[in-house]
Protein backbone atom coordinates (compact mmCIF):
# COMPACT_ATOMS: atom_id res chain seq x y z
CA MET A 1 -16.53 -42.91 -66.63
CA PRO A 2 -19.74 -40.83 -66.75
CA ASP A 3 -22.85 -42.65 -67.97
CA ASP A 4 -23.71 -39.77 -70.30
CA LEU A 5 -20.26 -39.45 -71.90
CA ASP A 6 -20.59 -37.32 -75.03
CA LEU A 7 -19.10 -39.14 -78.02
CA ARG A 8 -18.45 -35.85 -79.77
CA LYS A 9 -16.24 -34.71 -76.91
CA VAL A 10 -14.43 -38.04 -77.02
CA ARG A 11 -13.70 -37.52 -80.72
CA TYR A 12 -12.43 -34.02 -79.97
CA PHE A 13 -10.19 -35.41 -77.24
CA LEU A 14 -8.65 -37.98 -79.57
CA ALA A 15 -7.95 -35.34 -82.21
CA VAL A 16 -6.03 -33.22 -79.68
CA ALA A 17 -4.28 -36.31 -78.26
CA GLU A 18 -3.10 -37.35 -81.73
CA GLU A 19 -2.09 -33.86 -82.87
CA LEU A 20 -0.82 -32.62 -79.48
CA SER A 21 -1.93 -29.22 -80.67
CA PHE A 22 -5.27 -27.49 -80.18
CA VAL A 23 -4.66 -25.45 -83.32
CA ARG A 24 -4.01 -28.45 -85.58
CA ALA A 25 -6.81 -30.46 -83.96
CA ALA A 26 -9.30 -27.61 -84.51
CA GLU A 27 -8.27 -27.39 -88.17
CA ARG A 28 -8.64 -31.16 -88.55
CA LEU A 29 -12.11 -31.08 -86.94
CA HIS A 30 -13.15 -27.96 -88.88
CA ILE A 31 -14.20 -26.10 -85.73
CA ALA A 32 -12.96 -22.94 -84.04
CA GLN A 33 -10.16 -23.40 -81.51
CA PRO A 34 -12.06 -21.70 -78.64
CA VAL A 35 -14.94 -24.14 -79.17
CA LEU A 36 -12.55 -27.07 -79.03
CA THR A 37 -10.93 -25.74 -75.87
CA ARG A 38 -14.31 -25.36 -74.16
CA GLN A 39 -15.34 -28.87 -75.13
CA ILE A 40 -12.13 -30.39 -73.76
CA LYS A 41 -12.49 -28.46 -70.50
CA ALA A 42 -16.08 -29.71 -70.21
CA LEU A 43 -14.88 -33.29 -70.77
CA GLU A 44 -12.22 -32.88 -68.11
CA ARG A 45 -14.87 -31.69 -65.65
CA GLU A 46 -17.09 -34.66 -66.50
CA LEU A 47 -14.21 -37.10 -65.98
CA GLY A 48 -12.84 -35.30 -62.94
CA ALA A 49 -9.30 -35.32 -64.33
CA ALA A 50 -6.98 -33.07 -66.33
CA LEU A 51 -6.29 -34.72 -69.70
CA PHE A 52 -3.75 -32.27 -71.10
CA ALA A 53 -0.88 -30.26 -69.66
CA ARG A 54 -0.57 -26.94 -71.45
CA SER A 55 2.61 -24.86 -71.30
CA THR A 56 4.69 -22.52 -73.43
CA ARG A 57 6.41 -25.63 -74.79
CA GLY A 58 3.15 -26.98 -76.17
CA THR A 59 0.48 -29.51 -75.29
CA ALA A 60 1.16 -32.88 -73.66
CA LEU A 61 -1.00 -35.67 -72.33
CA THR A 62 -1.21 -36.05 -68.57
CA PRO A 63 -0.96 -39.60 -67.16
CA ALA A 64 -4.77 -39.64 -66.97
CA GLY A 65 -4.99 -38.39 -70.56
CA ALA A 66 -2.58 -41.05 -71.79
CA ARG A 67 -4.69 -43.71 -70.08
CA PHE A 68 -7.87 -42.29 -71.58
CA VAL A 69 -6.57 -42.56 -75.17
CA ASP A 70 -7.11 -46.33 -75.37
CA GLU A 71 -10.40 -46.07 -73.48
CA ALA A 72 -11.64 -43.38 -75.85
CA ARG A 73 -10.74 -45.41 -78.94
CA THR A 74 -12.56 -48.41 -77.49
CA VAL A 75 -15.67 -46.33 -76.78
CA LEU A 76 -15.75 -44.91 -80.30
CA ARG A 77 -15.11 -48.28 -81.94
CA SER A 78 -17.95 -49.85 -79.96
CA ALA A 79 -20.32 -47.02 -80.85
CA THR A 80 -19.42 -47.29 -84.54
CA ALA A 81 -19.87 -51.06 -84.50
CA ALA A 82 -23.26 -50.75 -82.81
CA GLN A 83 -24.44 -48.24 -85.40
CA ARG A 84 -23.38 -50.52 -88.27
CA ARG A 85 -25.13 -53.56 -86.79
CA VAL A 86 -28.35 -51.70 -86.03
CA ARG A 87 -28.49 -50.40 -89.61
CA GLN A 88 -27.87 -53.90 -90.92
CA ALA A 89 -30.66 -55.29 -88.73
CA ALA A 90 -33.01 -52.52 -89.91
CA ARG A 91 -32.35 -53.58 -93.52
CA GLY A 92 -33.19 -57.16 -92.59
CA ASP A 93 -29.79 -58.40 -93.75
CA ALA A 94 -28.83 -61.95 -92.79
CA ARG A 95 -25.18 -61.34 -93.45
CA LEU A 96 -21.82 -62.39 -92.00
CA THR A 97 -18.58 -60.77 -93.14
CA ILE A 98 -15.33 -62.63 -92.55
CA GLY A 99 -11.87 -61.10 -92.83
CA PHE A 100 -8.70 -62.96 -93.67
CA MET A 101 -5.01 -62.18 -93.87
CA PRO A 102 -2.98 -62.98 -97.02
CA GLY A 103 -2.07 -66.64 -97.27
CA ILE A 104 -5.06 -67.81 -95.19
CA LEU A 105 -7.86 -69.55 -97.09
CA PRO A 106 -11.33 -69.17 -95.48
CA THR A 107 -13.06 -71.15 -98.25
CA ALA A 108 -13.88 -74.29 -96.24
CA THR A 109 -15.31 -72.26 -93.35
CA VAL A 110 -17.44 -70.13 -95.68
CA ARG A 111 -18.78 -73.24 -97.42
CA ALA A 112 -19.65 -74.90 -94.09
CA LEU A 113 -21.47 -71.77 -92.89
CA ARG A 114 -23.52 -71.54 -96.09
CA GLU A 115 -24.50 -75.20 -95.76
CA ARG A 116 -25.57 -74.69 -92.14
CA PHE A 117 -27.38 -71.38 -92.78
CA PRO A 118 -28.77 -71.41 -96.36
CA GLN A 119 -30.37 -67.96 -95.95
CA LEU A 120 -27.14 -66.38 -94.68
CA THR A 121 -25.07 -64.24 -97.02
CA VAL A 122 -21.40 -64.83 -96.21
CA GLU A 123 -18.90 -62.33 -97.56
CA VAL A 124 -15.12 -62.24 -97.29
CA VAL A 125 -12.78 -59.23 -97.00
CA ARG A 126 -9.02 -59.29 -97.23
CA THR A 127 -7.39 -57.50 -94.31
CA SER A 128 -3.88 -56.25 -93.64
CA TRP A 129 -1.49 -56.13 -90.70
CA ASP A 130 -2.69 -52.59 -89.94
CA ASP A 131 -6.43 -53.28 -89.80
CA GLN A 132 -6.98 -57.01 -89.14
CA VAL A 133 -8.19 -56.38 -85.57
CA GLU A 134 -9.49 -52.83 -86.02
CA MET A 135 -12.05 -53.96 -88.59
CA VAL A 136 -13.52 -56.47 -86.11
CA LEU A 137 -13.71 -53.99 -83.25
CA ASP A 138 -15.35 -51.22 -85.28
CA GLY A 139 -17.91 -53.55 -86.86
CA ARG A 140 -16.75 -53.50 -90.47
CA ILE A 141 -16.39 -57.29 -90.30
CA ASP A 142 -17.92 -59.83 -87.93
CA ALA A 143 -14.96 -62.18 -87.51
CA SER A 144 -11.49 -62.52 -88.93
CA PHE A 145 -8.70 -64.98 -89.50
CA VAL A 146 -5.71 -63.08 -88.10
CA ARG A 147 -1.98 -63.50 -87.75
CA PHE A 148 -0.20 -62.84 -84.47
CA PRO A 149 1.02 -60.76 -82.78
CA ILE A 150 -2.26 -58.98 -82.00
CA ASP A 151 -3.72 -57.09 -79.06
CA PRO A 152 -6.36 -59.54 -77.75
CA ARG A 153 -8.25 -56.98 -75.65
CA GLY A 154 -11.97 -57.02 -76.42
CA LEU A 155 -11.70 -60.17 -78.53
CA THR A 156 -12.60 -63.82 -78.34
CA VAL A 157 -9.48 -65.55 -79.71
CA ILE A 158 -9.51 -69.13 -81.02
CA PRO A 159 -5.96 -70.31 -81.88
CA LEU A 160 -5.96 -72.52 -84.98
CA TYR A 161 -2.49 -73.47 -86.19
CA THR A 162 1.06 -72.23 -86.63
CA GLU A 163 3.25 -72.09 -89.70
CA PRO A 164 6.90 -71.23 -90.36
CA ARG A 165 7.97 -67.75 -91.34
CA VAL A 166 10.57 -66.98 -94.00
CA VAL A 167 12.60 -63.98 -95.05
CA VAL A 168 12.10 -62.65 -98.57
CA LEU A 169 15.33 -61.50 -100.22
CA PRO A 170 16.21 -60.03 -103.62
CA ALA A 171 17.16 -62.89 -105.94
CA GLY A 172 20.64 -61.43 -106.43
CA HIS A 173 21.45 -60.95 -102.74
CA PRO A 174 24.42 -63.02 -101.45
CA LEU A 175 22.23 -64.56 -98.72
CA ALA A 176 19.83 -65.84 -101.39
CA ALA A 177 22.36 -68.55 -102.25
CA ARG A 178 22.16 -69.94 -98.72
CA PRO A 179 19.68 -72.73 -97.83
CA THR A 180 18.94 -71.01 -94.50
CA VAL A 181 19.96 -67.73 -92.86
CA THR A 182 20.20 -66.46 -89.30
CA LEU A 183 18.75 -63.40 -87.62
CA ALA A 184 22.27 -62.10 -87.04
CA GLU A 185 22.97 -62.24 -90.79
CA LEU A 186 19.78 -60.30 -91.50
CA ALA A 187 20.24 -57.70 -88.79
CA ALA A 188 22.17 -55.23 -90.94
CA LEU A 189 19.43 -55.19 -93.60
CA GLU A 190 16.44 -52.85 -93.71
CA LEU A 191 13.15 -54.33 -92.55
CA LEU A 192 10.45 -53.03 -94.89
CA GLN A 193 7.49 -53.59 -92.56
CA ASP A 194 6.26 -52.67 -89.11
CA PRO A 195 8.84 -54.09 -86.66
CA GLN A 196 5.95 -54.97 -84.33
CA ALA A 197 5.09 -57.70 -86.84
CA VAL A 198 8.52 -59.27 -86.33
CA PRO A 199 9.21 -59.10 -82.57
CA GLU A 200 12.54 -60.89 -82.97
CA TRP A 201 13.79 -57.93 -85.02
CA ARG A 202 13.34 -55.44 -82.19
CA GLY A 203 16.46 -54.65 -80.17
CA ARG A 204 18.78 -56.46 -82.55
CA VAL A 205 22.45 -55.39 -82.35
CA VAL A 206 25.03 -55.92 -85.03
CA SER A 207 28.67 -55.39 -84.13
CA GLY A 208 30.19 -52.58 -86.15
CA SER A 209 26.93 -51.51 -87.76
CA ALA A 210 25.26 -48.18 -87.18
CA VAL A 211 22.48 -46.10 -88.62
CA ARG A 212 23.87 -43.26 -90.71
CA PRO A 213 23.16 -39.85 -89.17
CA GLY A 214 20.44 -38.11 -91.12
CA ALA A 215 19.63 -41.23 -93.14
CA PRO A 216 15.97 -41.41 -94.20
CA PRO A 217 13.85 -44.05 -92.49
CA PRO A 218 13.32 -47.25 -94.47
CA PRO A 219 10.14 -47.34 -96.56
CA ARG A 220 7.18 -49.07 -94.95
CA ALA A 221 4.86 -51.01 -97.25
CA ARG A 222 1.25 -51.86 -96.36
CA THR A 223 0.34 -54.66 -98.78
CA VAL A 224 2.21 -57.85 -99.63
CA GLU A 225 2.49 -56.70 -103.23
CA GLU A 226 4.14 -53.43 -102.17
CA LYS A 227 6.52 -55.28 -99.84
CA LEU A 228 7.65 -57.68 -102.56
CA GLU A 229 8.12 -54.84 -105.02
CA LEU A 230 10.43 -53.06 -102.57
CA VAL A 231 12.36 -56.27 -101.93
CA ALA A 232 12.78 -56.88 -105.66
CA GLY A 233 14.09 -53.32 -105.95
CA GLU A 234 16.75 -54.19 -103.33
CA ARG A 235 15.41 -51.73 -100.77
CA GLY A 236 15.47 -54.29 -97.94
CA VAL A 237 13.77 -57.48 -96.79
CA VAL A 238 10.45 -58.63 -95.35
CA VAL A 239 9.46 -61.53 -93.13
CA LEU A 240 6.31 -63.39 -94.18
CA PRO A 241 4.45 -66.54 -93.23
CA GLU A 242 5.51 -69.37 -95.52
CA SER A 243 2.07 -69.75 -97.14
CA THR A 244 1.91 -66.03 -97.94
CA ALA A 245 5.37 -66.02 -99.49
CA HIS A 246 4.55 -69.04 -101.67
CA PHE A 247 1.17 -67.63 -102.71
CA TYR A 248 2.82 -64.43 -103.98
CA HIS A 249 5.75 -66.17 -105.69
CA ARG A 250 7.73 -64.09 -108.19
CA PRO A 251 11.08 -64.83 -109.93
CA ASP A 252 13.00 -61.77 -108.73
CA VAL A 253 12.78 -62.61 -105.02
CA VAL A 254 13.58 -65.74 -103.01
CA CYS A 255 12.35 -67.08 -99.66
CA ARG A 256 14.67 -68.60 -97.10
CA PRO A 257 14.03 -70.18 -93.66
CA VAL A 258 15.44 -68.18 -90.75
CA GLU A 259 17.06 -69.82 -87.74
CA GLY A 260 15.64 -68.45 -84.50
CA LEU A 261 12.44 -67.12 -86.04
CA GLU A 262 9.35 -68.32 -84.19
CA PRO A 263 6.42 -69.72 -86.24
CA ASN A 264 3.41 -67.55 -87.00
CA GLN A 265 0.19 -68.17 -85.04
CA VAL A 266 -3.10 -68.05 -86.96
CA ALA A 267 -6.35 -67.55 -85.05
CA LEU A 268 -10.01 -66.73 -85.51
CA VAL A 269 -11.18 -63.66 -83.62
CA TYR A 270 -14.47 -61.88 -83.05
CA GLU A 271 -15.71 -59.28 -80.59
CA ALA A 272 -15.79 -60.74 -77.08
CA ASN A 273 -19.27 -59.50 -76.16
CA ARG A 274 -20.89 -60.93 -79.31
CA GLN A 275 -22.35 -64.44 -79.08
CA THR A 276 -24.61 -64.81 -82.11
CA VAL A 277 -25.74 -68.19 -83.40
CA GLU A 278 -23.64 -67.68 -86.55
CA LEU A 279 -20.46 -66.80 -84.65
CA ARG A 280 -20.89 -69.75 -82.30
CA ALA A 281 -21.34 -72.02 -85.32
CA MET A 282 -18.25 -70.56 -86.95
CA ALA A 283 -16.24 -71.23 -83.79
CA GLU A 284 -17.42 -74.85 -83.82
CA ILE A 285 -16.51 -75.26 -87.48
CA VAL A 286 -12.96 -73.96 -87.15
CA ARG A 287 -12.32 -75.92 -83.95
CA ALA A 288 -13.40 -79.10 -85.73
CA GLY A 289 -10.78 -78.36 -88.32
C-alpha cells in the first residue's frame, strides 16, 4: 500500500464499493461523476491494481477490489480514531470511555478504575450487536465489554466468562409451556435478529417447511427493547444471553433454555496497538475478577 495513500480517495472507493454504481456513489458523496471516476482511476494507479470491473451490466469489484474493502475500512477507522484521540489530548482530557452490551454490568470495573486513577473521568456507553466492535476501532470508545461472536482482527481480546443463552417466545406460544425447547422446534419460527449473532441458526433445515415465494423478509430489530416488542407482537423469536433476558423481563414474553445452544462468551476488548497505563490497569482489574 502506498505510504502517501489519500484518505479522500479511500472514502470515494468505499462509496463506489458499497453502491456498486458510480452514479449513486457520486450522488452520495455530492461530487460530479467524472471527478469520482478520475479519483478512482488515480487510486488504482497508486495501488497498481484494478479495483472495479466496468461493463454494460454495471460495476463489480475485482478480486483486488474485494480484498481492499476491508483494508480501506481499517485505514479509515484508524485515521478517525487517531483524530479523536489527538483532539482529546489537546483538550487535556484524562478520560476513559467504556462500552458494554445489554446485560453486562461494568460498575465494579469503573469503580476500581476511579479508585486507582482519581483524576480520570470514566464514562460508560451502551453498545449494540451492530456497533460493539466498530466503536472501539473508530475511537468512539476506548474499551468495551462485548458478546461473541466478534471479528477479533485489530483487537486485544480478554475472555471473561460465559453464560447460557435462552430463546424469548410470546407468552401465548405453545412452546412457552415447555420447560426447555430444541433448535429443531424453533427452526420454523422467524428469527428477529442478525443470524450472525446466533450461528447455530444458520443452515437449519426443517422437514416440510419452506419460505413462501415473495414473502417479505422478517423484521430485524436493533435494540433489545425493539426485539422484545416484536416477540410480544408474535412476529417471531429472539435468542438472548440469560442475564439480558432477565434484565428486560416483561409479562407478555417468556424465556426458555434451548438444547444445543452454546453459551455466550463475554470478553473485554480494546484496540491491539494501544497499551496505555489505564487500559493495562483495566485488563488487570478484569482478569482479577
